């Protein structure tokens, strides 16, 4: 099952051009939620920790170019020859399966660019594998904790999109709840694992967008 998306549809060419301009001007804000194997952090040289009073703790930035994979035409990969790609993320909660066992994390993700599969490629490039991703994160699906639904449903969802109304100019925010398969898996983690980190103020963080109209999945 692919990523849950939150989006807008232009009713005519004029509206489409105005929406496109917002993406080009980096004024659209996108918020995704992912469940990954591991705890993404600042242990990779590609990860920058961002410290600002308006940002939550454990807020990071991945700045790694993305290009089409030479091994498979349907896959993307981190490559110095790729297009500039930036993803911000923060850790909301981390569970440990058992003493000394594997970690799972609930992560808020804000893509600043809109490359194909950007979130999946970026997180997997720092060993944070999205559960249910059969393309980039197969290793994450081998955990004994995962049932059939968790192995076959991508644990990545768009939960909000914020932009200016192309006709009135009024700022609008569109939200969607987490899909049921993600909610059920979080409940499963809460019931069977130990919470080792929990950020209570999981508020949305304002970020800039990039010049791409199409969002990551």
Protein backbone atom coordinates (compact mmCIF):
# COMPACT_ATOMS: atom_id res chain seq x y z
CA UNK A 1 0.00 0.00 0.00
CA UNK A 2 1.44 3.39 -1.02
CA UNK A 3 1.72 6.66 0.88
CA UNK A 4 -1.41 8.44 2.09
CA UNK A 5 -1.40 11.85 0.38
CA UNK A 6 -2.82 15.25 1.28
CA UNK A 7 -3.16 17.49 -1.75
CA UNK A 8 -5.09 20.07 -3.70
CA UNK A 9 -6.55 19.99 -7.21
CA UNK A 10 -6.68 23.08 -9.42
CA UNK A 11 -10.09 23.76 -10.97
CA UNK A 12 -8.69 25.76 -13.88
CA UNK A 13 -5.45 26.98 -15.46
CA UNK A 14 -5.38 30.24 -13.53
CA UNK A 15 -5.65 28.47 -10.17
CA UNK A 16 -3.06 25.92 -11.29
CA UNK A 17 -0.54 28.66 -12.13
CA UNK A 18 -1.10 30.37 -8.79
CA UNK A 19 -0.61 27.12 -6.90
CA UNK A 20 2.50 26.34 -8.92
CA UNK A 21 3.90 29.77 -8.08
CA UNK A 22 3.54 29.05 -4.37
CA UNK A 23 5.64 25.93 -4.68
CA UNK A 24 8.22 27.83 -6.68
CA UNK A 25 8.28 30.57 -4.04
CA UNK A 26 8.74 28.01 -1.25
CA UNK A 27 5.64 29.05 0.66
CA UNK A 28 3.91 25.63 0.83
CA UNK A 29 4.43 23.62 4.01
CA UNK A 30 4.17 19.82 4.01
CA UNK A 31 4.09 17.51 7.02
CA UNK A 32 4.44 13.72 6.89
CA UNK A 33 4.58 11.11 9.63
CA UNK A 34 6.68 7.94 9.35
CA UNK A 35 7.40 4.91 11.50
CA UNK A 36 10.96 3.70 11.06
CA UNK A 37 13.21 0.95 12.31
CA UNK A 38 15.87 2.64 14.43
CA UNK A 39 16.21 6.13 15.85
CA UNK A 40 17.35 8.65 13.24
CA UNK A 41 19.70 11.20 14.71
CA UNK A 42 22.94 13.05 14.22
CA UNK A 43 25.21 10.00 14.00
CA UNK A 44 25.62 10.34 10.23
CA UNK A 45 27.81 13.05 8.72
CA UNK A 46 24.95 13.93 6.36
CA UNK A 47 22.65 14.81 9.27
CA UNK A 48 22.63 18.32 10.72
CA UNK A 49 21.00 18.99 14.08
CA UNK A 50 19.02 22.22 14.05
CA UNK A 51 18.91 24.24 17.27
CA UNK A 52 16.37 27.06 17.46
CA UNK A 53 13.93 28.16 20.15
CA UNK A 54 10.99 27.64 17.76
CA UNK A 55 12.03 24.07 16.94
CA UNK A 56 11.46 20.99 19.09
CA UNK A 57 14.35 18.99 20.48
CA UNK A 58 15.83 16.31 18.25
CA UNK A 59 15.13 18.29 15.06
CA UNK A 60 17.41 17.36 12.18
CA UNK A 61 18.11 18.13 8.53
CA UNK A 62 19.19 15.76 5.78
CA UNK A 63 20.79 17.51 2.81
CA UNK A 64 21.71 14.88 0.23
CA UNK A 65 21.27 15.04 -3.57
CA UNK A 66 18.94 12.44 -5.10
CA UNK A 67 19.18 10.87 -8.56
CA UNK A 68 17.61 7.95 -10.40
CA UNK A 69 19.28 4.66 -9.56
CA UNK A 70 21.46 3.09 -12.23
CA UNK A 71 20.49 -0.36 -10.93
CA UNK A 72 16.71 0.02 -11.24
CA UNK A 73 14.78 2.60 -13.26
CA UNK A 74 11.96 2.70 -10.70
CA UNK A 75 14.26 3.49 -7.76
CA UNK A 76 15.98 6.66 -6.63
CA UNK A 77 19.24 6.93 -4.73
CA UNK A 78 21.47 9.41 -2.93
CA UNK A 79 24.11 10.55 -5.42
CA UNK A 80 26.52 13.50 -5.71
CA UNK A 81 25.25 13.86 -9.29
CA UNK A 82 21.61 14.16 -8.19
CA UNK A 83 19.31 17.14 -7.69
CA UNK A 84 19.54 19.09 -4.42
CA UNK A 85 17.23 17.47 -1.86
CA UNK A 86 16.54 18.55 1.71
CA UNK A 87 14.42 16.86 4.37
CA UNK A 88 13.83 18.08 7.93
CA UNK A 89 12.61 15.66 10.57
CA UNK A 90 12.06 15.38 14.31
CA UNK A 91 11.60 12.36 16.53
CA UNK A 92 8.28 12.16 18.35
CA UNK A 93 8.56 8.79 20.11
CA UNK A 94 10.95 5.85 20.24
CA UNK A 95 10.22 2.31 21.43
CA UNK A 96 12.56 -0.56 22.29
CA UNK A 97 11.26 -4.02 21.44
CA UNK A 98 13.06 -5.73 24.34
CA UNK A 99 16.06 -5.11 26.56
CA UNK A 100 18.92 -4.57 24.14
CA UNK A 101 16.54 -5.13 21.24
CA UNK A 102 15.61 -3.17 18.13
CA UNK A 103 14.26 0.37 18.18
CA UNK A 104 11.28 1.81 16.32
CA UNK A 105 10.60 5.55 16.03
CA UNK A 106 7.65 7.75 15.17
CA UNK A 107 9.02 10.63 13.11
CA UNK A 108 7.57 13.96 11.90
CA UNK A 109 8.98 14.72 8.46
CA UNK A 110 9.02 18.00 6.52
CA UNK A 111 10.40 17.70 2.97
CA UNK A 112 11.78 21.02 1.77
CA UNK A 113 12.16 19.72 -1.76
CA UNK A 114 9.88 17.45 -3.76
CA UNK A 115 12.00 14.72 -5.31
CA UNK A 116 10.52 11.35 -6.17
CA UNK A 117 10.57 9.04 -3.12
CA UNK A 118 12.56 11.70 -1.27
CA UNK A 119 11.56 10.81 2.28
CA UNK A 120 12.02 7.09 1.74
CA UNK A 121 15.43 7.55 0.10
CA UNK A 122 16.72 10.06 2.64
CA UNK A 123 15.70 8.10 5.72
CA UNK A 124 16.97 4.80 4.34
CA UNK A 125 20.30 6.49 3.50
CA UNK A 126 20.93 7.00 7.24
CA UNK A 127 19.79 3.51 8.22
CA UNK A 128 16.30 4.59 9.30
CA UNK A 129 14.14 2.17 7.37
CA UNK A 130 10.44 2.95 6.94
CA UNK A 131 8.34 0.00 8.05
CA UNK A 132 6.36 -1.57 5.21
CA UNK A 133 8.56 -0.15 2.44
CA UNK A 134 9.25 -3.08 0.11
CA UNK A 135 11.52 -1.03 -2.17
CA UNK A 136 13.96 0.81 0.09
CA UNK A 137 13.55 -0.79 3.49
CA UNK A 138 13.06 -4.52 3.17
CA UNK A 139 15.25 -5.18 6.19
CA UNK A 140 12.77 -3.33 8.40
CA UNK A 141 10.04 -5.80 7.46
CA UNK A 142 11.88 -8.79 8.96
CA UNK A 143 11.14 -7.91 12.57
CA UNK A 144 9.12 -10.55 14.40
CA UNK A 145 7.00 -7.77 15.86
CA UNK A 146 5.46 -7.01 12.46
CA UNK A 147 2.24 -8.74 11.42
CA UNK A 148 1.15 -9.13 7.81
CA UNK A 149 -0.53 -5.71 7.72
CA UNK A 150 2.59 -3.95 8.98
CA UNK A 151 4.78 -5.74 6.46
CA UNK A 152 2.59 -4.83 3.50
CA UNK A 153 1.42 -1.30 4.36
CA UNK A 154 3.83 1.60 4.06
CA UNK A 155 4.15 3.42 7.39
CA UNK A 156 4.38 6.87 5.80
CA UNK A 157 1.51 9.35 5.52
CA UNK A 158 0.94 12.97 4.62
CA UNK A 159 -0.96 14.59 7.50
CA UNK A 160 -1.05 18.27 6.56
CA UNK A 161 -0.56 20.73 3.72
CA UNK A 162 -0.54 24.49 4.24
CA UNK A 163 -0.77 27.10 1.48
CA UNK A 164 -2.50 30.32 0.43
CA UNK A 165 -5.94 30.06 -1.17
CA UNK A 166 -5.19 30.86 -4.84
CA UNK A 167 -8.37 32.93 -5.15
CA UNK A 168 -8.61 34.76 -1.81
CA UNK A 169 -5.01 34.70 -0.60
CA UNK A 170 -6.12 33.47 2.82
CA UNK A 171 -3.77 30.95 4.39
CA UNK A 172 -5.35 27.48 4.42
CA UNK A 173 -4.33 24.32 6.22
CA UNK A 174 -5.56 20.90 5.11
CA UNK A 175 -5.19 18.01 7.52
CA UNK A 176 -5.72 14.26 7.40
CA UNK A 177 -5.62 11.74 10.26
CA UNK A 178 -3.12 8.94 10.31
CA UNK A 179 -4.39 5.95 8.31
CA UNK A 180 -5.80 3.06 10.38
CA UNK A 181 -2.86 0.72 9.69
CA UNK A 182 -0.43 3.25 11.21
CA UNK A 183 -2.65 3.90 14.21
CA UNK A 184 -2.95 0.16 14.86
CA UNK A 185 0.82 -0.34 14.62
CA UNK A 186 1.48 2.52 17.06
CA UNK A 187 -0.96 0.90 19.49
CA UNK A 188 0.87 -2.39 19.02
CA UNK A 189 4.22 -0.74 19.77
CA UNK A 190 2.80 0.95 22.88
CA UNK A 191 1.44 -2.36 24.12
CA UNK A 192 4.41 -4.62 23.41
CA UNK A 193 7.45 -2.33 23.66
CA UNK A 194 9.08 0.06 26.10
CA UNK A 195 8.94 3.78 25.33
CA UNK A 196 12.50 5.13 25.65
CA UNK A 197 11.83 8.61 24.26
CA UNK A 198 8.61 10.62 24.05
CA UNK A 199 8.33 14.23 22.90
CA UNK A 200 5.08 15.51 24.31
CA UNK A 201 4.80 18.69 22.25
CA UNK A 202 4.41 17.12 18.82
CA UNK A 203 3.41 20.45 17.31
CA UNK A 204 3.75 21.21 13.64
CA UNK A 205 6.92 23.07 12.75
CA UNK A 206 6.79 25.74 10.03
CA UNK A 207 9.30 25.09 7.26
CA UNK A 208 9.89 26.39 3.76
CA UNK A 209 9.23 24.37 0.65
CA UNK A 210 11.25 24.15 -2.54
CA UNK A 211 10.68 24.64 -6.22
CA UNK A 212 8.97 21.32 -6.94
CA UNK A 213 5.20 21.12 -7.40
CA UNK A 214 4.95 17.39 -6.85
CA UNK A 215 5.25 16.16 -3.31
CA UNK A 216 7.38 13.25 -2.17
CA UNK A 217 5.90 9.84 -1.50
